[in-house]
N, C-alpha and C. Protein backbone atom coordinates (compact mmCIF):
# COMPACT_ATOMS: atom_id res chain seq x y z
N MET A 1 60.96 47.82 9.63
CA MET A 1 60.85 46.99 10.82
C MET A 1 59.59 47.35 11.61
N ARG A 2 59.29 48.64 11.65
CA ARG A 2 58.13 49.08 12.40
C ARG A 2 56.83 48.57 11.76
N LYS A 3 56.76 48.55 10.42
CA LYS A 3 55.59 48.04 9.73
C LYS A 3 55.36 46.57 10.08
N HIS A 4 56.44 45.84 10.18
CA HIS A 4 56.36 44.42 10.51
C HIS A 4 55.72 44.22 11.89
N LYS A 5 56.10 45.06 12.85
CA LYS A 5 55.53 44.96 14.19
C LYS A 5 54.05 45.31 14.19
N ILE A 6 53.67 46.29 13.39
CA ILE A 6 52.26 46.68 13.31
C ILE A 6 51.44 45.53 12.74
N TYR A 7 51.95 44.86 11.70
CA TYR A 7 51.24 43.73 11.13
C TYR A 7 51.06 42.60 12.15
N ILE A 8 52.07 42.37 12.95
CA ILE A 8 52.00 41.33 13.97
C ILE A 8 50.93 41.67 15.01
N VAL A 9 50.89 42.93 15.44
CA VAL A 9 49.90 43.36 16.43
C VAL A 9 48.48 43.22 15.86
N VAL A 10 48.29 43.62 14.62
CA VAL A 10 46.98 43.51 13.99
C VAL A 10 46.57 42.04 13.86
N LEU A 11 47.48 41.21 13.43
CA LEU A 11 47.20 39.79 13.29
C LEU A 11 46.84 39.16 14.63
N LEU A 12 47.57 39.48 15.68
CA LEU A 12 47.26 38.95 17.01
C LEU A 12 45.91 39.45 17.51
N SER A 13 45.56 40.69 17.20
CA SER A 13 44.26 41.24 17.61
C SER A 13 43.12 40.49 16.93
N VAL A 14 43.26 40.25 15.63
CA VAL A 14 42.22 39.53 14.90
C VAL A 14 42.10 38.10 15.44
N PHE A 15 43.23 37.46 15.70
CA PHE A 15 43.21 36.11 16.24
C PHE A 15 42.54 36.09 17.61
N SER A 16 42.82 37.09 18.45
CA SER A 16 42.20 37.17 19.78
C SER A 16 40.70 37.32 19.67
N LEU A 17 40.22 38.15 18.74
CA LEU A 17 38.78 38.32 18.55
C LEU A 17 38.13 37.02 18.11
N PHE A 18 38.82 36.26 17.26
CA PHE A 18 38.29 34.99 16.81
C PHE A 18 38.15 34.02 17.98
N ILE A 19 39.16 33.95 18.83
CA ILE A 19 39.13 33.06 19.98
C ILE A 19 38.03 33.47 20.95
N ILE A 20 37.88 34.75 21.19
CA ILE A 20 36.88 35.24 22.13
C ILE A 20 35.47 35.00 21.59
N SER A 21 35.28 35.08 20.27
CA SER A 21 33.95 34.97 19.69
C SER A 21 33.41 33.55 19.69
N CYS A 22 34.22 32.55 19.96
CA CYS A 22 33.75 31.17 20.01
C CYS A 22 33.21 30.89 21.41
N ALA A 23 31.91 30.68 21.49
CA ALA A 23 31.29 30.40 22.78
C ALA A 23 31.36 28.90 23.06
N THR A 24 31.66 28.56 24.31
CA THR A 24 31.74 27.16 24.71
C THR A 24 30.59 26.84 25.65
N TYR A 25 29.92 25.72 25.39
CA TYR A 25 28.80 25.26 26.19
C TYR A 25 29.08 23.85 26.67
N HIS A 26 28.31 23.40 27.66
CA HIS A 26 28.49 22.08 28.25
C HIS A 26 27.18 21.31 28.21
N MET A 27 27.29 20.00 28.28
CA MET A 27 26.12 19.15 28.44
C MET A 27 26.55 17.84 29.08
N THR A 28 25.61 17.17 29.70
CA THR A 28 25.90 15.88 30.32
C THR A 28 25.69 14.77 29.29
N THR A 29 26.24 13.62 29.59
CA THR A 29 26.06 12.47 28.71
C THR A 29 24.58 12.09 28.65
N GLU A 30 23.88 12.17 29.80
CA GLU A 30 22.46 11.85 29.84
C GLU A 30 21.64 12.79 28.96
N SER A 31 21.98 14.08 29.00
CA SER A 31 21.28 15.06 28.19
C SER A 31 21.50 14.78 26.70
N LEU A 32 22.72 14.44 26.35
CA LEU A 32 23.03 14.12 24.96
C LEU A 32 22.23 12.91 24.50
N LEU A 33 22.18 11.88 25.33
CA LEU A 33 21.42 10.67 24.99
C LEU A 33 19.93 10.96 24.79
N LYS A 34 19.35 11.77 25.69
CA LYS A 34 17.93 12.12 25.58
C LYS A 34 17.65 12.89 24.29
N GLN A 35 18.53 13.82 23.97
CA GLN A 35 18.29 14.64 22.79
C GLN A 35 18.49 13.88 21.48
N LEU A 36 19.38 12.90 21.50
CA LEU A 36 19.61 12.11 20.30
C LEU A 36 18.66 10.92 20.17
N ALA A 37 17.85 10.66 21.21
CA ALA A 37 16.98 9.49 21.22
C ALA A 37 15.96 9.51 20.08
N ASP A 38 15.43 10.67 19.74
CA ASP A 38 14.39 10.76 18.72
C ASP A 38 14.92 11.16 17.35
N THR A 39 16.22 11.15 17.18
CA THR A 39 16.78 11.54 15.88
C THR A 39 17.04 10.32 15.02
N GLN A 40 17.26 10.58 13.78
CA GLN A 40 17.61 9.53 12.84
C GLN A 40 18.92 9.89 12.18
N ASN A 41 19.63 8.87 11.72
CA ASN A 41 20.85 9.12 10.96
C ASN A 41 20.47 9.65 9.59
N GLU A 42 21.23 10.62 9.11
CA GLU A 42 20.96 11.17 7.79
C GLU A 42 22.26 11.44 7.06
N LYS A 43 22.20 11.36 5.75
CA LYS A 43 23.38 11.67 4.94
C LYS A 43 23.42 13.16 4.70
N LYS A 44 24.59 13.73 4.89
CA LYS A 44 24.79 15.16 4.69
C LYS A 44 25.70 15.34 3.48
N ILE A 45 25.23 16.13 2.54
CA ILE A 45 26.00 16.37 1.33
C ILE A 45 26.55 17.79 1.39
N ASN A 46 27.86 17.91 1.29
CA ASN A 46 28.53 19.19 1.31
C ASN A 46 29.33 19.33 0.02
N VAL A 47 29.30 20.51 -0.55
CA VAL A 47 30.00 20.74 -1.80
C VAL A 47 31.07 21.79 -1.59
N LEU A 48 32.29 21.46 -1.97
CA LEU A 48 33.40 22.40 -1.92
C LEU A 48 33.58 22.94 -3.32
N VAL A 49 33.48 24.26 -3.47
CA VAL A 49 33.64 24.91 -4.77
C VAL A 49 35.03 25.52 -4.83
N VAL A 50 35.78 25.12 -5.84
CA VAL A 50 37.13 25.64 -6.03
C VAL A 50 37.14 26.42 -7.33
N PHE A 51 37.65 27.64 -7.28
CA PHE A 51 37.69 28.48 -8.47
C PHE A 51 38.58 27.85 -9.51
N PRO A 52 38.29 27.84 -10.76
CA PRO A 52 37.17 28.53 -11.39
C PRO A 52 35.89 27.71 -11.41
N TYR A 53 35.90 26.44 -11.75
CA TYR A 53 34.64 25.70 -11.87
C TYR A 53 34.79 24.25 -11.44
N PHE A 54 35.41 24.01 -10.32
CA PHE A 54 35.56 22.64 -9.82
C PHE A 54 34.67 22.47 -8.59
N PHE A 55 33.93 21.38 -8.57
CA PHE A 55 33.05 21.07 -7.45
C PHE A 55 33.46 19.72 -6.88
N PHE A 56 33.65 19.67 -5.56
CA PHE A 56 34.00 18.43 -4.89
C PHE A 56 32.92 18.09 -3.87
N PRO A 57 32.04 17.14 -4.20
CA PRO A 57 30.99 16.78 -3.23
C PRO A 57 31.55 15.90 -2.13
N GLY A 58 31.05 16.09 -0.94
CA GLY A 58 31.42 15.25 0.19
C GLY A 58 30.16 14.75 0.86
N VAL A 59 30.14 13.49 1.22
CA VAL A 59 28.97 12.90 1.86
C VAL A 59 29.41 12.25 3.17
N VAL A 60 28.77 12.65 4.26
CA VAL A 60 29.01 12.02 5.56
C VAL A 60 27.66 11.71 6.20
N THR A 61 27.66 10.76 7.09
CA THR A 61 26.45 10.40 7.84
C THR A 61 26.52 11.06 9.20
N GLY A 62 25.38 11.55 9.66
CA GLY A 62 25.35 12.20 10.96
C GLY A 62 23.95 12.17 11.54
N ASN A 63 23.74 12.96 12.59
CA ASN A 63 22.44 13.01 13.25
C ASN A 63 21.58 14.10 12.61
N SER A 64 20.29 14.08 12.94
CA SER A 64 19.37 15.04 12.33
C SER A 64 19.00 16.21 13.25
N LEU A 65 19.73 16.41 14.33
CA LEU A 65 19.44 17.52 15.24
C LEU A 65 19.67 18.87 14.56
N THR A 66 18.75 19.80 14.76
CA THR A 66 18.92 21.15 14.23
C THR A 66 19.22 22.15 15.35
N GLU A 67 18.94 21.75 16.59
CA GLU A 67 19.27 22.56 17.75
C GLU A 67 19.49 21.64 18.94
N VAL A 68 20.22 22.15 19.93
CA VAL A 68 20.56 21.31 21.08
C VAL A 68 20.50 22.15 22.35
N LYS A 69 19.99 21.54 23.44
CA LYS A 69 19.95 22.20 24.74
C LYS A 69 21.30 22.05 25.41
N VAL A 70 21.84 23.16 25.90
CA VAL A 70 23.16 23.16 26.52
C VAL A 70 23.14 24.04 27.77
N LEU A 71 24.23 23.98 28.51
CA LEU A 71 24.44 24.86 29.65
C LEU A 71 25.60 25.78 29.34
N ASP A 72 25.48 27.07 29.68
CA ASP A 72 26.60 27.99 29.49
C ASP A 72 27.55 27.89 30.68
N LYS A 73 28.57 28.74 30.70
CA LYS A 73 29.58 28.65 31.76
C LYS A 73 29.03 28.95 33.15
N ASN A 74 27.86 29.65 33.21
CA ASN A 74 27.24 29.95 34.50
C ASN A 74 26.19 28.92 34.90
N GLY A 75 26.00 27.89 34.07
CA GLY A 75 25.03 26.85 34.38
C GLY A 75 23.62 27.16 33.90
N ASN A 76 23.46 28.24 33.14
CA ASN A 76 22.15 28.60 32.61
C ASN A 76 21.86 27.78 31.36
N GLU A 77 20.62 27.27 31.28
CA GLU A 77 20.23 26.45 30.13
C GLU A 77 19.92 27.34 28.94
N GLY A 78 20.30 26.86 27.78
CA GLY A 78 20.01 27.57 26.54
C GLY A 78 19.91 26.60 25.39
N ILE A 79 19.50 27.11 24.26
CA ILE A 79 19.39 26.30 23.06
C ILE A 79 20.24 26.96 21.98
N ILE A 80 21.10 26.15 21.34
CA ILE A 80 21.92 26.67 20.25
C ILE A 80 21.61 25.89 18.98
N PRO A 81 21.69 26.56 17.82
CA PRO A 81 21.47 25.84 16.57
C PRO A 81 22.68 24.96 16.25
N VAL A 82 22.41 23.84 15.60
CA VAL A 82 23.48 22.94 15.17
C VAL A 82 23.67 23.16 13.67
N ASN A 83 24.91 23.48 13.30
CA ASN A 83 25.23 23.62 11.89
C ASN A 83 26.57 22.96 11.61
N ARG A 84 27.09 23.15 10.42
CA ARG A 84 28.34 22.50 10.03
C ARG A 84 29.54 22.96 10.86
N GLN A 85 29.48 24.14 11.45
CA GLN A 85 30.61 24.64 12.23
C GLN A 85 30.53 24.32 13.72
N THR A 86 29.46 23.71 14.17
CA THR A 86 29.32 23.36 15.58
C THR A 86 30.21 22.16 15.87
N SER A 87 31.13 22.35 16.80
CA SER A 87 32.04 21.26 17.13
C SER A 87 31.76 20.76 18.55
N VAL A 88 32.15 19.52 18.78
CA VAL A 88 31.99 18.92 20.10
C VAL A 88 33.36 18.40 20.53
N ARG A 89 33.70 18.67 21.79
CA ARG A 89 34.95 18.17 22.37
C ARG A 89 34.58 17.28 23.53
N ILE A 90 34.99 16.04 23.44
CA ILE A 90 34.71 15.07 24.50
C ILE A 90 36.00 14.80 25.26
N THR A 91 35.94 14.98 26.58
CA THR A 91 37.06 14.67 27.45
C THR A 91 36.77 13.33 28.11
N LYS A 92 37.69 12.40 27.93
CA LYS A 92 37.52 11.08 28.53
C LYS A 92 38.05 11.09 29.96
N LYS A 93 37.72 10.06 30.71
CA LYS A 93 38.13 9.97 32.12
C LYS A 93 39.64 9.90 32.29
N ASP A 94 40.37 9.48 31.25
CA ASP A 94 41.83 9.44 31.35
C ASP A 94 42.46 10.78 30.97
N GLY A 95 41.63 11.81 30.70
CA GLY A 95 42.13 13.14 30.39
C GLY A 95 42.33 13.42 28.91
N LYS A 96 42.23 12.41 28.07
CA LYS A 96 42.40 12.61 26.63
C LYS A 96 41.14 13.25 26.05
N ARG A 97 41.36 14.11 25.04
CA ARG A 97 40.26 14.83 24.42
C ARG A 97 40.15 14.48 22.94
N LYS A 98 38.94 14.53 22.45
CA LYS A 98 38.70 14.32 21.03
C LYS A 98 37.69 15.36 20.56
N THR A 99 38.03 16.08 19.49
CA THR A 99 37.17 17.11 18.94
C THR A 99 36.75 16.71 17.53
N PHE A 100 35.46 16.88 17.24
CA PHE A 100 34.94 16.59 15.91
C PHE A 100 33.66 17.38 15.71
N TYR A 101 33.01 17.24 14.57
CA TYR A 101 31.81 18.01 14.27
C TYR A 101 30.58 17.38 14.89
N PHE A 102 29.78 18.20 15.57
CA PHE A 102 28.60 17.70 16.29
C PHE A 102 27.57 17.11 15.34
N ASP A 103 27.40 17.69 14.16
CA ASP A 103 26.37 17.18 13.25
C ASP A 103 26.71 15.81 12.67
N THR A 104 27.93 15.31 12.90
CA THR A 104 28.31 13.97 12.46
C THR A 104 28.28 12.95 13.59
N LEU A 105 27.90 13.39 14.79
CA LEU A 105 27.90 12.54 15.97
C LEU A 105 26.77 11.51 15.89
N ILE A 106 27.12 10.26 16.14
CA ILE A 106 26.15 9.17 16.15
C ILE A 106 26.44 8.29 17.37
N ILE A 107 25.39 7.86 18.05
CA ILE A 107 25.54 6.94 19.18
C ILE A 107 25.01 5.57 18.75
N GLU A 108 25.89 4.57 18.83
CA GLU A 108 25.52 3.19 18.50
C GLU A 108 26.22 2.25 19.46
N ASP A 109 25.49 1.29 19.98
CA ASP A 109 26.07 0.26 20.84
C ASP A 109 26.89 0.82 21.99
N SER A 110 26.35 1.81 22.69
CA SER A 110 27.00 2.43 23.85
C SER A 110 28.32 3.12 23.52
N THR A 111 28.50 3.54 22.27
CA THR A 111 29.69 4.30 21.88
C THR A 111 29.28 5.50 21.04
N ILE A 112 30.13 6.51 21.08
CA ILE A 112 29.95 7.70 20.25
C ILE A 112 30.96 7.64 19.12
N THR A 113 30.47 7.90 17.92
CA THR A 113 31.36 8.04 16.78
C THR A 113 31.04 9.37 16.10
N GLY A 114 31.95 9.83 15.28
CA GLY A 114 31.77 11.08 14.57
C GLY A 114 32.85 11.24 13.53
N LYS A 115 32.83 12.38 12.86
CA LYS A 115 33.77 12.63 11.78
C LYS A 115 34.58 13.90 12.06
N ASN A 116 35.85 13.86 11.60
CA ASN A 116 36.73 15.02 11.73
C ASN A 116 36.54 16.01 10.60
N ASP A 117 35.82 15.63 9.54
CA ASP A 117 35.62 16.52 8.40
C ASP A 117 34.27 16.23 7.77
N HIS A 118 33.88 17.08 6.83
CA HIS A 118 32.60 16.91 6.15
C HIS A 118 32.74 16.40 4.72
N PHE A 119 33.95 16.10 4.27
CA PHE A 119 34.14 15.73 2.88
C PHE A 119 34.60 14.29 2.70
N ILE A 120 35.67 13.92 3.34
CA ILE A 120 36.20 12.58 3.19
C ILE A 120 35.52 11.63 4.16
N GLY A 121 35.12 12.13 5.29
CA GLY A 121 34.42 11.31 6.27
C GLY A 121 35.36 10.49 7.13
N VAL A 122 36.47 11.08 7.55
CA VAL A 122 37.42 10.38 8.41
C VAL A 122 36.80 10.24 9.80
N ALA A 123 36.54 9.01 10.20
CA ALA A 123 35.87 8.75 11.47
C ALA A 123 36.86 8.80 12.64
N ILE A 124 36.34 9.22 13.79
CA ILE A 124 37.14 9.18 15.01
C ILE A 124 37.07 7.77 15.57
N LYS A 125 37.99 7.46 16.46
CA LYS A 125 37.95 6.18 17.15
C LYS A 125 36.75 6.23 18.11
N PRO A 126 35.87 5.24 18.09
CA PRO A 126 34.68 5.26 18.95
C PRO A 126 35.03 5.47 20.42
N ILE A 127 34.18 6.24 21.09
CA ILE A 127 34.36 6.55 22.51
C ILE A 127 33.21 5.91 23.28
N LYS A 128 33.53 5.13 24.29
CA LYS A 128 32.51 4.47 25.11
C LYS A 128 31.80 5.52 25.98
N LEU A 129 30.49 5.40 26.07
CA LEU A 129 29.70 6.37 26.84
C LEU A 129 30.10 6.40 28.31
N ASN A 130 30.44 5.27 28.88
CA ASN A 130 30.80 5.24 30.30
C ASN A 130 32.23 5.74 30.55
N ASN A 131 32.93 6.11 29.49
CA ASN A 131 34.29 6.62 29.62
C ASN A 131 34.35 8.14 29.44
N ILE A 132 33.18 8.79 29.38
CA ILE A 132 33.12 10.24 29.13
C ILE A 132 33.11 11.01 30.44
N GLU A 133 34.02 11.95 30.55
CA GLU A 133 34.08 12.83 31.72
C GLU A 133 33.29 14.12 31.46
N LYS A 134 33.47 14.72 30.27
CA LYS A 134 32.87 16.02 30.00
C LYS A 134 32.58 16.16 28.51
N ILE A 135 31.47 16.84 28.18
CA ILE A 135 31.12 17.13 26.80
C ILE A 135 30.98 18.64 26.66
N GLU A 136 31.73 19.21 25.73
CA GLU A 136 31.70 20.64 25.47
C GLU A 136 31.35 20.88 24.01
N LEU A 137 30.55 21.89 23.75
CA LEU A 137 30.20 22.27 22.39
C LEU A 137 30.71 23.68 22.13
N GLN A 138 31.16 23.91 20.91
CA GLN A 138 31.59 25.24 20.50
C GLN A 138 30.80 25.65 19.28
N ARG A 139 30.27 26.84 19.35
CA ARG A 139 29.54 27.42 18.23
C ARG A 139 30.44 28.49 17.61
N HIS A 140 30.76 28.33 16.36
CA HIS A 140 31.67 29.27 15.69
C HIS A 140 30.88 30.23 14.83
């Protein structure tokens, strides 16, 4: 019984470190629009390798940003790299939130679209730009 408790404590400690290590940043809708203005849509190819020798390619369309200007929790400006693990959480004015991958984010016709994954390309329901309350980015 005691070993079981030790495993639980270790597991909770590792989980806590994972949660703490994810930094959250903020940006305004205007800042996002300015930064995406000069980008182009690009196809991203991701390959999932499953042992022993199976390869599953995934293709999604996204933006071409490699870094993005953000604000930290103290309001200080910084630049973070954009990679496959960078996620964006958009809070709408009605309080609902939607989280997806930042590198799949595309703005078209005054709406934001993106993907929940990098393989199948399941799209989120488009979010109108004027309905956005807050934009948060997480770097994992």
